[in-house]
Amino acid sequence: MSAVVVVLSVLLGLLFVGTGGIKVLSVPPSPAIRDHLGIRPELWRLIGVLEAAGGVGLLAGFVVPPLGVAASIGLVLLMIGAIVSRVRVSDSAAAISIDVLVLVLVAGLVAARTFA
């Protein structure tokens, strides 16, 4: 396993466990962001659960590699949804670019895990 896969898996795994947990627990300013994006509380919690599960999946991918690939693909889909949600409410380019950066990193992880 390459150093790139290890570093990206750990960093992104921790990031998504954290952001997912924040959504599930409604830690401020999470509810304000949810309301700004126009997302129902139930869906917001589901997104948080999926993010946290994806983060755990990235870390579990060290033991079960196909799980790491599946988790990274799922996180790519979540990030596409995040970008669409931000564009829909006309968020700033800075806010959107952060999600685009995370998408690129997760997509890079998919490629590194799949084609390495």
PDB file of N, CA and C in Angstrom:
ATOM      1  N   MET A   1       0.858  -1.172   0.000  1.00  0.00           N
ATOM      2  CA  MET A   1       0.000   0.000   0.000  1.00  0.00           C
ATOM      3  C   MET A   1       0.901   1.231   0.000  1.00  0.00           C
ATOM      4  N   SER A   2       0.587   2.155  -0.868  1.00  0.00           N
ATOM      5  CA  SER A   2       1.443   3.330  -1.024  1.00  0.00           C
ATOM      6  C   SER A   2       1.245   4.321   0.117  1.00  0.00           C
ATOM      7  N   ALA A   3       2.232   5.183   0.287  1.00  0.00           N
ATOM      8  CA  ALA A   3       2.152   6.225   1.316  1.00  0.00           C
ATOM      9  C   ALA A   3       0.997   7.178   1.049  1.00  0.00           C
ATOM     10  N   VAL A   4       0.716   7.441  -0.224  1.00  0.00           N
ATOM     11  CA  VAL A   4      -0.391   8.335  -0.582  1.00  0.00           C
ATOM     12  C   VAL A   4      -1.716   7.751  -0.093  1.00  0.00           C
ATOM     13  N   VAL A   5      -1.917   6.466  -0.307  1.00  0.00           N
ATOM     14  CA  VAL A   5      -3.154   5.811   0.135  1.00  0.00           C
ATOM     15  C   VAL A   5      -3.258   5.869   1.657  1.00  0.00           C
ATOM     16  N   VAL A   6      -2.174   5.600   2.342  1.00  0.00           N
ATOM     17  CA  VAL A   6      -2.193   5.610   3.808  1.00  0.00           C
ATOM     18  C   VAL A   6      -2.523   7.008   4.330  1.00  0.00           C
ATOM     19  N   VAL A   7      -1.816   8.016   3.839  1.00  0.00           N
ATOM     20  CA  VAL A   7      -2.025   9.388   4.328  1.00  0.00           C
ATOM     21  C   VAL A   7      -3.432   9.879   4.009  1.00  0.00           C
ATOM     22  N   LEU A   8      -3.868   9.699   2.757  1.00  0.00           N
ATOM     23  CA  LEU A   8      -5.212  10.159   2.390  1.00  0.00           C
ATOM     24  C   LEU A   8      -6.295   9.399   3.163  1.00  0.00           C
ATOM     25  N   SER A   9      -6.112   8.102   3.333  1.00  0.00           N
ATOM     26  CA  SER A   9      -7.111   7.314   4.055  1.00  0.00           C
ATOM     27  C   SER A   9      -7.241   7.774   5.504  1.00  0.00           C
ATOM     28  N   VAL A  10      -6.126   8.013   6.154  1.00  0.00           N
ATOM     29  CA  VAL A  10      -6.168   8.445   7.556  1.00  0.00           C
ATOM     30  C   VAL A  10      -6.751   9.848   7.665  1.00  0.00           C
ATOM     31  N   LEU A  11      -6.236  10.784   6.877  1.00  0.00           N
ATOM     32  CA  LEU A  11      -6.720  12.168   6.965  1.00  0.00           C
ATOM     33  C   LEU A  11      -8.199  12.281   6.604  1.00  0.00           C
ATOM     34  N   LEU A  12      -8.583  11.690   5.483  1.00  0.00           N
ATOM     35  CA  LEU A  12      -9.982  11.769   5.060  1.00  0.00           C
ATOM     36  C   LEU A  12     -10.884  10.941   5.980  1.00  0.00           C
ATOM     37  N   GLY A  13     -10.397   9.816   6.452  1.00  0.00           N
ATOM     38  CA  GLY A  13     -11.184   9.018   7.387  1.00  0.00           C
ATOM     39  C   GLY A  13     -11.513   9.815   8.639  1.00  0.00           C
ATOM     40  N   LEU A  14     -10.509  10.457   9.212  1.00  0.00           N
ATOM     41  CA  LEU A  14     -10.746  11.271  10.412  1.00  0.00           C
ATOM     42  C   LEU A  14     -11.630  12.475  10.109  1.00  0.00           C
ATOM     43  N   LEU A  15     -11.419  13.101   8.958  1.00  0.00           N
ATOM     44  CA  LEU A  15     -12.245  14.249   8.563  1.00  0.00           C
ATOM     45  C   LEU A  15     -13.714  13.857   8.492  1.00  0.00           C
ATOM     46  N   PHE A  16     -14.018  12.762   7.806  1.00  0.00           N
ATOM     47  CA  PHE A  16     -15.411  12.370   7.624  1.00  0.00           C
ATOM     48  C   PHE A  16     -16.041  11.814   8.902  1.00  0.00           C
ATOM     49  N   VAL A  17     -15.283  11.145   9.742  1.00  0.00           N
ATOM     50  CA  VAL A  17     -15.822  10.725  11.036  1.00  0.00           C
ATOM     51  C   VAL A  17     -16.197  11.975  11.842  1.00  0.00           C
ATOM     52  N   GLY A  18     -15.336  12.983  11.804  1.00  0.00           N
ATOM     53  CA  GLY A  18     -15.609  14.219  12.535  1.00  0.00           C
ATOM     54  C   GLY A  18     -16.791  14.991  11.992  1.00  0.00           C
ATOM     55  N   THR A  19     -16.816  15.219  10.677  1.00  0.00           N
ATOM     56  CA  THR A  19     -17.921  15.998  10.096  1.00  0.00           C
ATOM     57  C   THR A  19     -19.241  15.247  10.192  1.00  0.00           C
ATOM     58  N   GLY A  20     -19.178  13.935  10.059  1.00  0.00           N
ATOM     59  CA  GLY A  20     -20.394  13.140  10.211  1.00  0.00           C
ATOM     60  C   GLY A  20     -20.914  13.205  11.634  1.00  0.00           C
ATOM     61  N   GLY A  21     -20.022  13.085  12.598  1.00  0.00           N
ATOM     62  CA  GLY A  21     -20.415  13.170  14.000  1.00  0.00           C
ATOM     63  C   GLY A  21     -21.018  14.517  14.353  1.00  0.00           C
ATOM     64  N   ILE A  22     -20.451  15.578  13.795  1.00  0.00           N
ATOM     65  CA  ILE A  22     -20.978  16.927  14.035  1.00  0.00           C
ATOM     66  C   ILE A  22     -22.415  17.033  13.540  1.00  0.00           C
ATOM     67  N   LYS A  23     -22.680  16.450  12.382  1.00  0.00           N
ATOM     68  CA  LYS A  23     -24.051  16.481  11.833  1.00  0.00           C
ATOM     69  C   LYS A  23     -25.005  15.649  12.689  1.00  0.00           C
ATOM     70  N   VAL A  24     -24.592  14.444  13.042  1.00  0.00           N
ATOM     71  CA  VAL A  24     -25.454  13.552  13.820  1.00  0.00           C
ATOM     72  C   VAL A  24     -25.784  14.167  15.184  1.00  0.00           C
ATOM     73  N   LEU A  25     -24.796  14.791  15.805  1.00  0.00           N
ATOM     74  CA  LEU A  25     -24.988  15.367  17.139  1.00  0.00           C
ATOM     75  C   LEU A  25     -25.526  16.801  17.106  1.00  0.00           C
ATOM     76  N   SER A  26     -25.706  17.357  15.908  1.00  0.00           N
ATOM     77  CA  SER A  26     -26.187  18.740  15.743  1.00  0.00           C
ATOM     78  C   SER A  26     -25.327  19.745  16.497  1.00  0.00           C
ATOM     79  N   VAL A  27     -24.014  19.562  16.432  1.00  0.00           N
ATOM     80  CA  VAL A  27     -23.084  20.485  17.072  1.00  0.00           C
ATOM     81  C   VAL A  27     -23.097  21.801  16.301  1.00  0.00           C
ATOM     82  N   PRO A  28     -23.229  22.944  16.997  1.00  0.00           N
ATOM     83  CA  PRO A  28     -23.198  24.230  16.292  1.00  0.00           C
ATOM     84  C   PRO A  28     -21.881  24.392  15.534  1.00  0.00           C
ATOM     85  N   PRO A  29     -21.886  24.960  14.370  1.00  0.00           N
ATOM     86  CA  PRO A  29     -22.973  25.610  13.639  1.00  0.00           C
ATOM     87  C   PRO A  29     -23.699  24.688  12.658  1.00  0.00           C
ATOM     88  N   SER A  30     -23.619  23.369  12.895  1.00  0.00           N
ATOM     89  CA  SER A  30     -24.219  22.413  11.966  1.00  0.00           C
ATOM     90  C   SER A  30     -25.697  22.684  11.653  1.00  0.00           C
ATOM     91  N   PRO A  31     -26.546  22.953  12.651  1.00  0.00           N
ATOM     92  CA  PRO A  31     -27.959  23.214  12.321  1.00  0.00           C
ATOM     93  C   PRO A  31     -28.150  24.459  11.442  1.00  0.00           C
ATOM     94  N   ALA A  32     -27.321  25.466  11.651  1.00  0.00           N
ATOM     95  CA  ALA A  32     -27.428  26.679  10.828  1.00  0.00           C
ATOM     96  C   ALA A  32     -27.041  26.385   9.380  1.00  0.00           C
ATOM     97  N   ILE A  33     -26.015  25.578   9.192  1.00  0.00           N
ATOM     98  CA  ILE A  33     -25.599  25.195   7.832  1.00  0.00           C
ATOM     99  C   ILE A  33     -26.702  24.365   7.179  1.00  0.00           C
ATOM    100  N   ARG A  34     -27.257  23.424   7.927  1.00  0.00           N
ATOM    101  CA  ARG A  34     -28.356  22.587   7.433  1.00  0.00           C
ATOM    102  C   ARG A  34     -29.526  23.451   6.974  1.00  0.00           C
ATOM    103  N   ASP A  35     -29.901  24.418   7.808  1.00  0.00           N
ATOM    104  CA  ASP A  35     -31.032  25.281   7.466  1.00  0.00           C
ATOM    105  C   ASP A  35     -30.704  26.155   6.256  1.00  0.00           C
ATOM    106  N   HIS A  36     -29.469  26.654   6.190  1.00  0.00           N
ATOM    107  CA  HIS A  36     -29.045  27.461   5.043  1.00  0.00           C
ATOM    108  C   HIS A  36     -29.154  26.671   3.739  1.00  0.00           C
ATOM    109  N   LEU A  37     -28.795  25.392   3.801  1.00  0.00           N
ATOM    110  CA  LEU A  37     -28.844  24.539   2.607  1.00  0.00           C
ATOM    111  C   LEU A  37     -30.251  24.009   2.325  1.00  0.00           C
ATOM    112  N   GLY A  38     -31.161  24.205   3.265  1.00  0.00           N
ATOM    113  CA  GLY A  38     -32.539  23.758   3.072  1.00  0.00           C
ATOM    114  C   GLY A  38     -32.710  22.250   3.157  1.00  0.00           C
ATOM    115  N   ILE A  39     -31.953  21.624   4.043  1.00  0.00           N
ATOM    116  CA  ILE A  39     -31.997  20.169   4.185  1.00  0.00           C
ATOM    117  C   ILE A  39     -32.775  19.820   5.454  1.00  0.00           C
ATOM    118  N   ARG A  40     -33.683  18.869   5.341  1.00  0.00           N
ATOM    119  CA  ARG A  40     -34.478  18.426   6.496  1.00  0.00           C
ATOM    120  C   ARG A  40     -33.565  17.807   7.564  1.00  0.00           C
ATOM    121  N   PRO A  41     -33.904  17.988   8.841  1.00  0.00           N
ATOM    122  CA  PRO A  41     -33.064  17.439   9.915  1.00  0.00           C
ATOM    123  C   PRO A  41     -32.820  15.928   9.797  1.00  0.00           C
ATOM    124  N   GLU A  42     -33.842  15.174   9.380  1.00  0.00           N
ATOM    125  CA  GLU A  42     -33.671  13.727   9.259  1.00  0.00           C
ATOM    126  C   GLU A  42     -32.639  13.375   8.184  1.00  0.00           C
ATOM    127  N   LEU A  43     -32.712  14.084   7.065  1.00  0.00           N
ATOM    128  CA  LEU A  43     -31.765  13.842   5.979  1.00  0.00           C
ATOM    129  C   LEU A  43     -30.360  14.272   6.399  1.00  0.00           C
ATOM    130  N   TRP A  44     -30.259  15.371   7.138  1.00  0.00           N
ATOM    131  CA  TRP A  44     -28.963  15.865   7.617  1.00  0.00           C
ATOM    132  C   TRP A  44     -28.298  14.817   8.507  1.00  0.00           C
ATOM    133  N   ARG A  45     -29.095  14.208   9.417  1.00  0.00           N
ATOM    134  CA  ARG A  45     -28.539  13.160  10.284  1.00  0.00           C
ATOM    135  C   ARG A  45     -28.113  11.947   9.461  1.00  0.00           C
ATOM    136  N   LEU A  46     -28.914  11.583   8.446  1.00  0.00           N
ATOM    137  CA  LEU A  46     -28.552  10.460   7.584  1.00  0.00           C
ATOM    138  C   LEU A  46     -27.238  10.752   6.854  1.00  0.00           C
ATOM    139  N   ILE A  47     -27.095  11.962   6.346  1.00  0.00           N
ATOM    140  CA  ILE A  47     -25.843  12.348   5.682  1.00  0.00           C
ATOM    141  C   ILE A  47     -24.686  12.219   6.672  1.00  0.00           C
ATOM    142  N   GLY A  48     -24.911  12.650   7.904  1.00  0.00           N
ATOM    143  CA  GLY A  48     -23.869  12.537   8.930  1.00  0.00           C
ATOM    144  C   GLY A  48     -23.490  11.088   9.207  1.00  0.00           C
ATOM    145  N   VAL A  49     -24.486  10.222   9.289  1.00  0.00           N
ATOM    146  CA  VAL A  49     -24.222   8.796   9.509  1.00  0.00           C
ATOM    147  C   VAL A  49     -23.427   8.230   8.332  1.00  0.00           C
ATOM    148  N   LEU A  50     -23.818   8.590   7.116  1.00  0.00           N
ATOM    149  CA  LEU A  50     -23.110   8.095   5.928  1.00  0.00           C
ATOM    150  C   LEU A  50     -21.673   8.619   5.876  1.00  0.00           C
ATOM    151  N   GLU A  51     -21.480   9.892   6.235  1.00  0.00           N
ATOM    152  CA  GLU A  51     -20.123  10.440   6.267  1.00  0.00           C
ATOM    153  C   GLU A  51     -19.266   9.694   7.287  1.00  0.00           C
ATOM    154  N   ALA A  52     -19.798   9.527   8.501  1.00  0.00           N
ATOM    155  CA  ALA A  52     -19.036   8.842   9.542  1.00  0.00           C
ATOM    156  C   ALA A  52     -18.746   7.393   9.144  1.00  0.00           C
ATOM    157  N   ALA A  53     -19.736   6.723   8.574  1.00  0.00           N
ATOM    158  CA  ALA A  53     -19.533   5.341   8.124  1.00  0.00           C
ATOM    159  C   ALA A  53     -18.483   5.284   7.016  1.00  0.00           C
ATOM    160  N   GLY A  54     -18.520   6.260   6.119  1.00  0.00           N
ATOM    161  CA  GLY A  54     -17.512   6.318   5.064  1.00  0.00           C
ATOM    162  C   GLY A  54     -16.118   6.522   5.633  1.00  0.00           C
ATOM    163  N   GLY A  55     -16.016   7.388   6.636  1.00  0.00           N
ATOM    164  CA  GLY A  55     -14.717   7.608   7.279  1.00  0.00           C
ATOM    165  C   GLY A  55     -14.200   6.349   7.951  1.00  0.00           C
ATOM    166  N   VAL A  56     -15.081   5.651   8.650  1.00  0.00           N
ATOM    167  CA  VAL A  56     -14.695   4.387   9.282  1.00  0.00           C
ATOM    168  C   VAL A  56     -14.308   3.373   8.204  1.00  0.00           C
ATOM    169  N   GLY A  57     -15.055   3.371   7.104  1.00  0.00           N
ATOM    170  CA  GLY A  57     -14.746   2.461   6.001  1.00  0.00           C
ATOM    171  C   GLY A  57     -13.375   2.714   5.397  1.00  0.00           C
ATOM    172  N   LEU A  58     -12.993   3.994   5.305  1.00  0.00           N
ATOM    173  CA  LEU A  58     -11.649   4.302   4.792  1.00  0.00           C
ATOM    174  C   LEU A  58     -10.584   3.709   5.704  1.00  0.00           C
ATOM    175  N   LEU A  59     -10.791   3.822   7.004  1.00  0.00           N
ATOM    176  CA  LEU A  59      -9.813   3.289   7.960  1.00  0.00           C
ATOM    177  C   LEU A  59      -9.850   1.757   7.989  1.00  0.00           C
ATOM    178  N   ALA A  60     -11.047   1.183   7.890  1.00  0.00           N
ATOM    179  CA  ALA A  60     -11.169  -0.277   7.860  1.00  0.00           C
ATOM    180  C   ALA A  60     -10.580  -0.849   6.576  1.00  0.00           C
ATOM    181  N   GLY A  61     -10.439  -0.007   5.557  1.00  0.00           N
ATOM    182  CA  GLY A  61      -9.862  -0.444   4.291  1.00  0.00           C
ATOM    183  C   GLY A  61      -8.425  -0.919   4.409  1.00  0.00           C
ATOM    184  N   PHE A  62      -7.771  -0.586   5.515  1.00  0.00           N
ATOM    185  CA  PHE A  62      -6.414  -1.109   5.732  1.00  0.00           C
ATOM    186  C   PHE A  62      -6.460  -2.608   5.989  1.00  0.00           C
ATOM    187  N   VAL A  63      -7.553  -3.074   6.568  1.00  0.00           N
ATOM    188  CA  VAL A  63      -7.709  -4.491   6.886  1.00  0.00           C
ATOM    189  C   VAL A  63      -8.464  -5.216   5.774  1.00  0.00           C
ATOM    190  N   VAL A  64      -9.502  -4.550   5.233  1.00  0.00           N
ATOM    191  CA  VAL A  64     -10.330  -5.125   4.164  1.00  0.00           C
ATOM    192  C   VAL A  64     -10.306  -4.137   2.990  1.00  0.00           C
ATOM    193  N   PRO A  65      -9.321  -4.257   2.102  1.00  0.00           N
ATOM    194  CA  PRO A  65      -9.152  -3.275   1.028  1.00  0.00           C
ATOM    195  C   PRO A  65     -10.401  -2.968   0.194  1.00  0.00           C
ATOM    196  N   PRO A  66     -11.232  -3.960  -0.168  1.00  0.00           N
ATOM    197  CA  PRO A  66     -12.430  -3.605  -0.946  1.00  0.00           C
ATOM    198  C   PRO A  66     -13.377  -2.666  -0.187  1.00  0.00           C
ATOM    199  N   LEU A  67     -13.390  -2.749   1.126  1.00  0.00           N
ATOM    200  CA  LEU A  67     -14.212  -1.847   1.929  1.00  0.00           C
ATOM    201  C   LEU A  67     -13.705  -0.406   1.807  1.00  0.00           C
ATOM    202  N   GLY A  68     -12.403  -0.243   1.750  1.00  0.00           N
ATOM    203  CA  GLY A  68     -11.831   1.092   1.565  1.00  0.00           C
ATOM    204  C   GLY A  68     -12.203   1.684   0.221  1.00  0.00           C
ATOM    205  N   VAL A  69     -12.212   0.862  -0.810  1.00  0.00           N
ATOM    206  CA  VAL A  69     -12.614   1.322  -2.147  1.00  0.00           C
ATOM    207  C   VAL A  69     -14.090   1.704  -2.142  1.00  0.00           C
ATOM    208  N   ALA A  70     -14.929   0.837  -1.585  1.00  0.00           N
ATOM    209  CA  ALA A  70     -16.372   1.118  -1.542  1.00  0.00           C
ATOM    210  C   ALA A  70     -16.665   2.387  -0.751  1.00  0.00           C
ATOM    211  N   ALA A  71     -15.993   2.556   0.378  1.00  0.00           N
ATOM    212  CA  ALA A  71     -16.201   3.748   1.204  1.00  0.00           C
ATOM    213  C   ALA A  71     -15.789   5.005   0.451  1.00  0.00           C
ATOM    214  N   SER A  72     -14.669   4.947  -0.247  1.00  0.00           N
ATOM    215  CA  SER A  72     -14.217   6.140  -0.967  1.00  0.00           C
ATOM    216  C   SER A  72     -15.160   6.475  -2.123  1.00  0.00           C
ATOM    217  N   ILE A  73     -15.719   5.475  -2.778  1.00  0.00           N
ATOM    218  CA  ILE A  73     -16.698   5.731  -3.847  1.00  0.00           C
ATOM    219  C   ILE A  73     -17.957   6.369  -3.255  1.00  0.00           C
ATOM    220  N   GLY A  74     -18.418   5.853  -2.125  1.00  0.00           N
ATOM    221  CA  GLY A  74     -19.580   6.443  -1.461  1.00  0.00           C
ATOM    222  C   GLY A  74     -19.332   7.888  -1.057  1.00  0.00           C
ATOM    223  N   LEU A  75     -18.129   8.178  -0.591  1.00  0.00           N
ATOM    224  CA  LEU A  75     -17.800   9.549  -0.188  1.00  0.00           C
ATOM    225  C   LEU A  75     -17.705  10.482  -1.398  1.00  0.00           C
ATOM    226  N   VAL A  76     -17.268   9.958  -2.533  1.00  0.00           N
ATOM    227  CA  VAL A  76     -17.295  10.767  -3.764  1.00  0.00           C
ATOM    228  C   VAL A  76     -18.736  11.187  -4.058  1.00  0.00           C
ATOM    229  N   LEU A  77     -19.656  10.249  -3.958  1.00  0.00           N
ATOM    230  CA  LEU A  77     -21.062  10.561  -4.225  1.00  0.00           C
ATOM    231  C   LEU A  77     -21.608  11.578  -3.224  1.00  0.00           C
ATOM    232  N   LEU A  78     -21.253  11.434  -1.951  1.00  0.00           N
ATOM    233  CA  LEU A  78     -21.690  12.412  -0.950  1.00  0.00           C
ATOM    234  C   LEU A  78     -21.138  13.801  -1.245  1.00  0.00           C
ATOM    235  N   MET A  79     -19.889  13.871  -1.673  1.00  0.00           N
ATOM    236  CA  MET A  79     -19.285  15.182  -1.958  1.00  0.00           C
ATOM    237  C   MET A  79     -19.919  15.822  -3.189  1.00  0.00           C
ATOM    238  N   ILE A  80     -20.294  15.023  -4.159  1.00  0.00           N
ATOM    239  CA  ILE A  80     -21.006  15.578  -5.316  1.00  0.00           C
ATOM    240  C   ILE A  80     -22.330  16.180  -4.846  1.00  0.00           C
ATOM    241  N   GLY A  81     -23.019  15.479  -3.967  1.00  0.00           N
ATOM    242  CA  GLY A  81     -24.260  16.005  -3.403  1.00  0.00           C
ATOM    243  C   GLY A  81     -24.031  17.289  -2.619  1.00  0.00           C
ATOM    244  N   ALA A  82     -22.941  17.358  -1.874  1.00  0.00           N
ATOM    245  CA  ALA A  82     -22.619  18.563  -1.107  1.00  0.00           C
ATOM    246  C   ALA A  82     -22.389  19.751  -2.037  1.00  0.00           C
ATOM    247  N   ILE A  83     -21.669  19.520  -3.117  1.00  0.00           N
ATOM    248  CA  ILE A  83     -21.392  20.593  -4.075  1.00  0.00           C
ATOM    249  C   ILE A  83     -22.681  21.062  -4.739  1.00  0.00           C
ATOM    250  N   VAL A  84     -23.510  20.123  -5.141  1.00  0.00           N
ATOM    251  CA  VAL A  84     -24.796  20.478  -5.758  1.00  0.00           C
ATOM    252  C   VAL A  84     -25.636  21.309  -4.782  1.00  0.00           C
ATOM    253  N   SER A  85     -25.658  20.905  -3.515  1.00  0.00           N
ATOM    254  CA  SER A  85     -26.430  21.639  -2.509  1.00  0.00           C
ATOM    255  C   SER A  85     -25.917  23.069  -2.349  1.00  0.00           C
ATOM    256  N   ARG A  86     -24.610  23.235  -2.353  1.00  0.00           N
ATOM    257  CA  ARG A  86     -24.027  24.575  -2.207  1.00  0.00           C
ATOM    258  C   ARG A  86     -24.295  25.444  -3.438  1.00  0.00           C
ATOM    259  N   VAL A  87     -24.199  24.858  -4.606  1.00  0.00           N
ATOM    260  CA  VAL A  87     -24.476  25.612  -5.839  1.00  0.00           C
ATOM    261  C   VAL A  87     -25.943  26.019  -5.875  1.00  0.00           C
ATOM    262  N   ARG A  88     -26.815  25.120  -5.449  1.00  0.00           N
ATOM    263  CA  ARG A  88     -28.254  25.384  -5.466  1.00  0.00           C
ATOM    264  C   ARG A  88     -28.629  26.613  -4.647  1.00  0.00           C
ATOM    265  N   VAL A  89     -27.918  26.853  -3.536  1.00  0.00           N
ATOM    266  CA  VAL A  89     -28.227  28.015  -2.693  1.00  0.00           C
ATOM    267  C   VAL A  89     -27.277  29.190  -2.965  1.00  0.00           C
ATOM    268  N   SER A  90     -26.520  29.092  -4.038  1.00  0.00           N
ATOM    269  CA  SER A  90     -25.594  30.159  -4.450  1.00  0.00           C
ATOM    270  C   SER A  90     -24.571  30.497  -3.375  1.00  0.00           C
ATOM    271  N   ASP A  91     -23.979  29.478  -2.767  1.00  0.00           N
ATOM    272  CA  ASP A  91     -22.909  29.712  -1.800  1.00  0.00           C
ATOM    273  C   ASP A  91     -21.704  30.334  -2.486  1.00  0.00           C
ATOM    274  N   SER A  92     -20.813  30.870  -1.684  1.00  0.00           N
ATOM    275  CA  SER A  92     -19.622  31.531  -2.219  1.00  0.00           C
ATOM    276  C   SER A  92     -18.699  30.521  -2.907  1.00  0.00           C
ATOM    277  N   ALA A  93     -17.886  31.056  -3.786  1.00  0.00           N
ATOM    278  CA  ALA A  93     -16.905  30.208  -4.478  1.00  0.00           C
ATOM    279  C   ALA A  93     -15.945  29.584  -3.480  1.00  0.00           C
ATOM    280  N   ALA A  94     -15.623  30.298  -2.417  1.00  0.00           N
ATOM    281  CA  ALA A  94     -14.714  29.766  -1.401  1.00  0.00           C
ATOM    282  C   ALA A  94     -15.325  28.539  -0.717  1.00  0.00           C
ATOM    283  N   ALA A  95     -16.607  28.626  -0.363  1.00  0.00           N
ATOM    284  CA  ALA A  95     -17.276  27.498   0.299  1.00  0.00           C
ATOM    285  C   ALA A  95     -17.353  26.303  -0.640  1.00  0.00           C
ATOM    286  N   ILE A  96     -17.689  26.570  -1.886  1.00  0.00           N
ATOM    287  CA  ILE A  96     -17.797  25.484  -2.867  1.00  0.00           C
ATOM    288  C   ILE A  96     -16.427  24.874  -3.143  1.00  0.00           C
ATOM    289  N   SER A  97     -15.395  25.707  -3.200  1.00  0.00           N
ATOM    290  CA  SER A  97     -14.060  25.199  -3.537  1.00  0.00           C
ATOM    291  C   SER A  97     -13.527  24.249  -2.469  1.00  0.00           C
ATOM    292  N   ILE A  98     -13.906  24.446  -1.220  1.00  0.00           N
ATOM    293  CA  ILE A  98     -13.471  23.514  -0.169  1.00  0.00           C
ATOM    294  C   ILE A  98     -14.059  22.127  -0.433  1.00  0.00           C
ATOM    295  N   ASP A  99     -15.353  22.092  -0.777  1.00  0.00           N
ATOM    296  CA  ASP A  99     -15.978  20.806  -1.088  1.00  0.00           C
ATOM    297  C   ASP A  99     -15.379  20.194  -2.356  1.00  0.00           C
ATOM    298  N   VAL A 100     -15.045  21.021  -3.326  1.00  0.00           N
ATOM    299  CA  VAL A 100     -14.411  20.515  -4.557  1.00  0.00           C
ATOM    300  C   VAL A 100     -13.044  19.914  -4.223  1.00  0.00           C
ATOM    301  N   LEU A 101     -12.288  20.582  -3.360  1.00  0.00           N
ATOM    302  CA  LEU A 101     -10.978  20.057  -2.958  1.00  0.00           C
ATOM    303  C   LEU A 101     -11.123  18.693  -2.287  1.00  0.00           C
ATOM    304  N   VAL A 102     -12.080  18.573  -1.371  1.00  0.00           N
ATOM    305  CA  VAL A 102     -12.297  17.284  -0.700  1.00  0.00           C
ATOM    306  C   VAL A 102     -12.724  16.229  -1.722  1.00  0.00           C
ATOM    307  N   LEU A 103     -13.587  16.612  -2.662  1.00  0.00           N
ATOM    308  CA  LEU A 103     -13.993  15.681  -3.721  1.00  0.00           C
ATOM    309  C   LEU A 103     -12.783  15.192  -4.512  1.00  0.00           C
ATOM    310  N   VAL A 104     -11.909  16.104  -4.888  1.00  0.00           N
ATOM    311  CA  VAL A 104     -10.713  15.729  -5.658  1.00  0.00           C
ATOM    312  C   VAL A 104      -9.836  14.770  -4.844  1.00  0.00           C
ATOM    313  N   LEU A 105      -9.676  15.039  -3.556  1.00  0.00           N
ATOM    314  CA  LEU A 105      -8.861  14.159  -2.717  1.00  0.00           C
ATOM    315  C   LEU A 105      -9.476  12.769  -2.594  1.00  0.00           C
ATOM    316  N   VAL A 106     -10.792  12.707  -2.401  1.00  0.00           N
ATOM    317  CA  VAL A 106     -11.454  11.404  -2.283  1.00  0.00           C
ATOM    318  C   VAL A 106     -11.413  10.666  -3.619  1.00  0.00           C
ATOM    319  N   ALA A 107     -11.634  11.387  -4.720  1.00  0.00           N
ATOM    320  CA  ALA A 107     -11.548  10.747  -6.047  1.00  0.00           C
ATOM    321  C   ALA A 107     -10.125  10.247  -6.303  1.00  0.00           C
ATOM    322  N   GLY A 108      -9.138  11.022  -5.858  1.00  0.00           N
ATOM    323  CA  GLY A 108      -7.752  10.571  -5.980  1.00  0.00           C
ATOM    324  C   GLY A 108      -7.501   9.308  -5.177  1.00  0.00           C
ATOM    325  N   LEU A 109      -8.130   9.228  -4.024  1.00  0.00           N
ATOM    326  CA  LEU A 109      -8.001   8.025  -3.203  1.00  0.00           C
ATOM    327  C   LEU A 109      -8.637   6.824  -3.895  1.00  0.00           C
ATOM    328  N   VAL A 110      -9.793   7.034  -4.530  1.00  0.00           N
ATOM    329  CA  VAL A 110     -10.423   5.948  -5.299  1.00  0.00           C
ATOM    330  C   VAL A 110      -9.441   5.445  -6.359  1.00  0.00           C
ATOM    331  N   ALA A 111      -8.858   6.373  -7.091  1.00  0.00           N
ATOM    332  CA  ALA A 111      -7.914   5.998  -8.154  1.00  0.00           C
ATOM    333  C   ALA A 111      -6.697   5.288  -7.583  1.00  0.00           C
ATOM    334  N   ALA A 112      -6.154   5.813  -6.495  1.00  0.00           N
ATOM    335  CA  ALA A 112      -4.959   5.215  -5.896  1.00  0.00           C
ATOM    336  C   ALA A 112      -5.238   3.810  -5.360  1.00  0.00           C
ATOM    337  N   ARG A 113      -6.423   3.628  -4.769  1.00  0.00           N
ATOM    338  CA  ARG A 113      -6.767   2.311  -4.223  1.00  0.00           C
ATOM    339  C   ARG A 113      -7.106   1.319  -5.330  1.00  0.00           C
ATOM    340  N   THR A 114      -7.681   1.817  -6.411  1.00  0.00           N
ATOM    341  CA  THR A 114      -8.148   0.944  -7.492  1.00  0.00           C
ATOM    342  C   THR A 114      -7.041   0.570  -8.451  1.00  0.00           C
ATOM    343  N   PHE A 115      -6.202   1.536  -8.809  1.00  0.00           N
ATOM    344  CA  PHE A 115      -5.236   1.321  -9.884  1.00  0.00           C
ATOM    345  C   PHE A 115      -3.805   1.192  -9.409  1.00  0.00           C
ATOM    346  N   ALA A 116      -3.590   1.179  -8.093  1.00  0.00           N
ATOM    347  CA  ALA A 116      -2.202   1.077  -7.579  1.00  0.00           C
ATOM    348  C   ALA A 116      -1.734  -0.354  -7.529  1.00  0.00           C
TER     349      ALA A 116
END
